[in-house]
């Protein structure tokens, strides 16, 4: 599985962005998908994940603001980010795996939120 993330950019606090992660290869629908982020000087953290069955998890820091979704027909997972805060600034990466073992990673896309 190859993953290609896109949609990052510069946005003012309170604004919105939608990240996309397009997957190539077979059996996309069988994989759990996750969005991770890494801010400068910080460890990578899981932001949101969605299982093959549609079960969703969010980090507390993004609950109520971010929405993860997937379109299996398009082999794509999305991260809708609303009410962005400066502390959301990070490189966001998508990953695919099973049972939360993330075997495949896309390149990151930079999200910068200005205050």
Protein backbone atom coordinates (compact mmCIF):
# COMPACT_ATOMS: atom_id res chain seq x y z
CA UNK A 1 0.00 0.00 0.00
CA UNK A 2 1.33 3.41 -0.96
CA UNK A 3 -0.11 6.49 0.67
CA UNK A 4 -0.09 10.08 -0.56
CA UNK A 5 -1.18 12.82 1.81
CA UNK A 6 -2.21 16.28 0.67
CA UNK A 7 -4.15 19.32 1.78
CA UNK A 8 -1.84 20.99 4.26
CA UNK A 9 -1.17 24.70 4.25
CA UNK A 10 -1.23 27.92 6.18
CA UNK A 11 -4.45 28.95 7.88
CA UNK A 12 -5.44 31.44 10.53
CA UNK A 13 -6.60 30.30 13.92
CA UNK A 14 -10.26 29.40 13.79
CA UNK A 15 -10.03 28.33 10.18
CA UNK A 16 -10.44 24.95 8.53
CA UNK A 17 -8.47 22.57 6.36
CA UNK A 18 -9.22 19.17 4.91
CA UNK A 19 -6.43 16.66 4.54
CA UNK A 20 -6.67 13.78 2.11
CA UNK A 21 -4.72 10.56 1.99
CA UNK A 22 -5.00 8.59 -1.23
CA UNK A 23 -3.99 4.95 -1.19
CA UNK A 24 -2.84 2.77 -4.01
CA UNK A 25 -2.76 -0.96 -3.91
CA UNK A 26 -5.30 -3.56 -3.08
CA UNK A 27 -7.54 -4.13 -0.12
CA UNK A 28 -7.70 -0.53 1.09
CA UNK A 29 -11.03 -1.25 2.72
CA UNK A 30 -9.42 -3.96 4.84
CA UNK A 31 -7.04 -1.57 6.54
CA UNK A 32 -7.46 0.66 9.48
CA UNK A 33 -6.37 4.19 8.66
CA UNK A 34 -4.85 6.77 10.94
CA UNK A 35 -3.77 10.37 10.95
CA UNK A 36 -0.75 11.29 13.04
CA UNK A 37 1.01 14.57 13.64
CA UNK A 38 4.39 15.67 14.85
CA UNK A 39 5.07 19.18 16.00
CA UNK A 40 8.62 20.56 16.23
CA UNK A 41 10.39 19.18 19.27
CA UNK A 42 7.54 16.85 20.13
CA UNK A 43 6.84 13.19 19.68
CA UNK A 44 4.50 11.95 17.01
CA UNK A 45 0.97 11.50 18.24
CA UNK A 46 -2.12 9.77 16.94
CA UNK A 47 -4.78 12.32 16.04
CA UNK A 48 -7.55 10.09 14.74
CA UNK A 49 -8.07 6.64 13.38
CA UNK A 50 -10.85 4.74 11.65
CA UNK A 51 -11.07 0.99 11.46
CA UNK A 52 -12.05 -1.02 8.44
CA UNK A 53 -15.47 -1.33 10.06
CA UNK A 54 -15.83 2.39 10.62
CA UNK A 55 -15.06 2.60 14.33
CA UNK A 56 -13.49 5.96 15.06
CA UNK A 57 -11.13 7.23 17.72
CA UNK A 58 -10.00 10.79 18.36
CA UNK A 59 -7.32 12.22 20.56
CA UNK A 60 -8.84 14.34 23.30
CA UNK A 61 -7.11 17.42 21.93
CA UNK A 62 -9.08 17.30 18.67
CA UNK A 63 -12.43 15.89 19.73
CA UNK A 64 -15.29 18.03 18.49
CA UNK A 65 -13.05 19.85 16.01
CA UNK A 66 -11.63 17.16 13.71
CA UNK A 67 -13.52 14.53 11.72
CA UNK A 68 -11.97 11.49 10.12
CA UNK A 69 -13.77 9.69 7.32
CA UNK A 70 -13.01 7.25 4.58
CA UNK A 71 -14.28 6.62 1.08
CA UNK A 72 -13.41 3.07 0.16
CA UNK A 73 -14.59 3.56 -3.42
CA UNK A 74 -11.94 6.25 -3.81
CA UNK A 75 -9.30 4.57 -1.64
CA UNK A 76 -9.07 7.77 0.34
CA UNK A 77 -9.21 8.81 3.97
CA UNK A 78 -9.91 12.38 5.01
CA UNK A 79 -9.29 14.54 8.03
CA UNK A 80 -11.56 17.56 8.25
CA UNK A 81 -10.03 20.02 10.67
CA UNK A 82 -12.19 22.86 11.99
CA UNK A 83 -11.59 25.58 14.57
CA UNK A 84 -7.87 25.16 14.14
CA UNK A 85 -5.56 26.38 16.86
CA UNK A 86 -1.89 27.36 16.73
CA UNK A 87 -1.10 24.24 18.74
CA UNK A 88 -2.41 22.16 15.84
CA UNK A 89 0.63 23.24 13.83
CA UNK A 90 2.50 20.09 12.84
CA UNK A 91 3.42 17.76 10.03
CA UNK A 92 0.45 15.46 9.52
CA UNK A 93 0.95 11.95 8.16
CA UNK A 94 -1.43 9.17 7.30
CA UNK A 95 -0.86 5.51 7.97
CA UNK A 96 -2.49 2.19 7.19
CA UNK A 97 -2.43 -0.96 9.21
CA UNK A 98 -4.29 -3.62 11.09
CA UNK A 99 -4.87 -3.95 14.80
CA UNK A 100 -3.15 -0.60 15.26
CA UNK A 101 0.10 -1.89 13.81
CA UNK A 102 0.87 0.78 11.26
CA UNK A 103 2.73 -0.92 8.45
CA UNK A 104 2.41 1.74 5.78
CA UNK A 105 3.09 5.44 5.98
CA UNK A 106 2.59 8.35 3.66
CA UNK A 107 4.78 11.39 3.49
CA UNK A 108 3.77 14.25 5.72
CA UNK A 109 1.90 17.38 4.87
CA UNK A 110 2.58 20.56 6.85
CA UNK A 111 -0.22 22.36 8.60
CA UNK A 112 0.61 25.80 9.98
CA UNK A 113 -1.93 27.68 12.05
CA UNK A 114 -1.17 31.32 12.66
CA UNK A 115 -2.48 33.20 15.67
